[in-house]
Protein backbone atom coordinates (compact mmCIF):
# COMPACT_ATOMS: atom_id res chain seq x y z
CA MET A 1 115.94 100.87 103.56
CA ASN A 2 112.32 101.15 102.44
CA LYS A 3 111.58 101.95 98.83
CA LEU A 4 109.13 104.81 98.54
CA THR A 5 108.31 104.52 94.87
CA PHE A 6 105.02 104.35 93.03
CA SER A 7 105.84 101.75 90.42
CA ARG A 8 103.50 100.02 88.01
CA GLU A 9 102.87 97.04 90.32
CA LEU A 10 101.44 99.43 92.94
CA ARG A 11 98.68 100.64 90.59
CA LEU A 12 95.28 99.30 89.69
CA LEU A 13 95.24 99.50 85.90
CA ALA A 14 92.59 97.22 84.44
CA PRO A 15 88.81 97.67 84.79
CA VAL A 16 88.61 94.12 86.20
CA GLN A 17 90.87 95.16 89.09
CA PHE A 18 88.66 98.17 89.87
CA LYS A 19 85.51 96.04 89.61
CA ALA A 20 86.88 93.57 92.17
CA VAL A 21 87.31 96.39 94.71
CA PHE A 22 83.83 97.81 94.05
CA GLU A 23 82.10 94.45 94.71
CA GLN A 24 82.40 94.19 98.51
CA PRO A 25 84.73 96.88 99.79
CA PHE A 26 85.66 98.20 103.19
CA ARG A 27 84.71 101.89 103.11
CA ALA A 28 86.14 104.99 104.72
CA SER A 29 84.49 108.26 103.71
CA THR A 30 84.35 111.99 104.17
CA PRO A 31 81.94 114.39 102.44
CA GLN A 32 84.61 115.06 99.77
CA LEU A 33 86.00 111.57 99.10
CA THR A 34 85.62 107.86 99.63
CA LEU A 35 88.40 105.34 100.00
CA LEU A 36 87.37 101.77 99.15
CA ALA A 37 89.55 98.79 99.97
CA ARG A 38 89.55 95.07 99.37
CA GLU A 39 92.14 92.50 100.37
CA ASN A 40 94.45 91.28 97.60
CA SER A 41 96.67 88.21 97.35
CA LEU A 42 99.84 90.22 96.63
CA GLN A 43 102.63 91.29 98.94
CA ASN A 44 101.91 95.00 98.55
CA PRO A 45 99.02 97.47 98.52
CA ARG A 46 97.79 98.91 95.21
CA LEU A 47 96.01 102.16 94.39
CA GLY A 48 93.41 103.13 91.81
CA LEU A 49 92.08 106.65 91.28
CA THR A 50 88.73 107.92 90.03
CA VAL A 51 88.27 111.68 89.76
CA ALA A 52 85.27 112.47 87.55
CA LYS A 53 84.88 115.49 85.31
CA LYS A 54 81.48 115.88 86.91
CA HIS A 55 83.14 117.08 90.13
CA LEU A 56 86.22 118.84 88.72
CA LYS A 57 85.83 120.31 85.25
CA ARG A 58 89.42 121.32 84.59
CA ALA A 59 92.10 118.72 83.96
CA HIS A 60 94.68 120.54 86.07
CA ASP A 61 92.31 120.38 89.07
CA ARG A 62 91.78 116.64 88.60
CA ASN A 63 95.53 116.14 88.18
CA ARG A 64 96.29 118.05 91.40
CA ILE A 65 93.97 115.78 93.38
CA LYS A 66 95.44 112.62 91.81
CA ARG A 67 99.00 113.83 92.41
CA ILE A 68 98.32 114.46 96.10
CA VAL A 69 96.59 111.09 96.58
CA ARG A 70 99.47 109.26 94.87
CA GLU A 71 102.02 111.08 97.02
CA SER A 72 100.10 110.29 100.20
CA PHE A 73 99.88 106.61 99.19
CA ARG A 74 103.58 106.52 98.25
CA LEU A 75 104.64 107.83 101.67
CA LYS A 76 102.22 105.55 103.57
CA GLN A 77 102.57 102.31 101.56
CA GLN A 78 104.92 100.58 104.05
CA GLN A 79 102.30 100.76 106.82
CA LEU A 80 99.26 99.88 104.71
CA PRO A 81 97.77 96.39 104.65
CA HIS A 82 97.97 94.32 101.46
CA TYR A 83 94.77 95.72 100.01
CA ASP A 84 93.65 97.20 96.72
CA PHE A 85 92.50 100.77 97.35
CA VAL A 86 90.27 102.86 95.11
CA PHE A 87 90.06 106.59 95.73
CA VAL A 88 86.72 108.10 94.63
CA ALA A 89 86.40 111.89 94.52
CA LYS A 90 83.07 113.50 95.41
CA ALA A 91 81.62 116.98 94.98
CA GLY A 92 83.49 119.66 96.90
CA ILE A 93 86.93 118.03 96.70
CA GLY A 94 88.25 120.91 94.60
CA LYS A 95 87.68 123.32 97.49
CA LEU A 96 90.18 121.52 99.73
CA SER A 97 93.70 122.87 100.03
CA ASN A 98 96.62 120.50 99.56
CA ALA A 99 97.29 120.40 103.31
CA GLU A 100 93.64 119.66 104.11
CA LEU A 101 93.56 116.85 101.56
CA PHE A 102 96.76 115.30 102.98
CA GLU A 103 95.25 115.48 106.48
CA ILE A 104 91.99 113.81 105.39
CA LEU A 105 93.89 111.10 103.53
CA GLU A 106 96.05 110.41 106.58
CA LYS A 107 92.92 109.82 108.67
CA LEU A 108 91.43 107.51 106.04
CA TRP A 109 94.66 105.48 105.73
CA GLN A 110 94.70 105.07 109.53
CA ARG A 111 91.08 103.95 109.47
CA HIS A 112 91.84 101.28 106.87
CA ILE A 113 94.85 100.10 108.85
CA ARG A 114 92.58 99.68 111.90
CA LEU A 115 89.89 97.91 109.82
CA ALA A 116 92.47 95.47 108.45
CA GLN A 117 93.75 94.71 111.96
CA GLN A 118 90.22 94.12 113.24
CA THR A 119 89.45 91.84 110.31
CA LYS A 120 92.64 89.87 110.92
CA GLN A 121 91.79 89.49 114.63
CA ASN A 122 88.25 88.35 113.82
CA GLN A 123 89.56 85.71 111.42
CA ALA A 124 92.07 84.37 113.95
């Protein structure tokens, strides 16, 4: 049985971890968000979130976005490559409904899965 938790080891916590992803990431973007990824040496994917006050003024709006991204990651983590992911919110993300955000995230996860497979094939 697969564990579908979002424990501490599945999170990017330190600024150094975020910085490593920002250096040379694989990118998947939409007008409302960007999902950056970089391979890690662990046996599981990890997630970091950045939702700036600049784009969403109210804390409950930022928290809604983060909650949905975490839930999407939690449900998809078994299929994801062993990468560190950083979710970056852009202007206009607050206008998306929960269902629209889940749909966009699903497409971005699939894109990163394909990118990881292509990278693995190119290295072989």
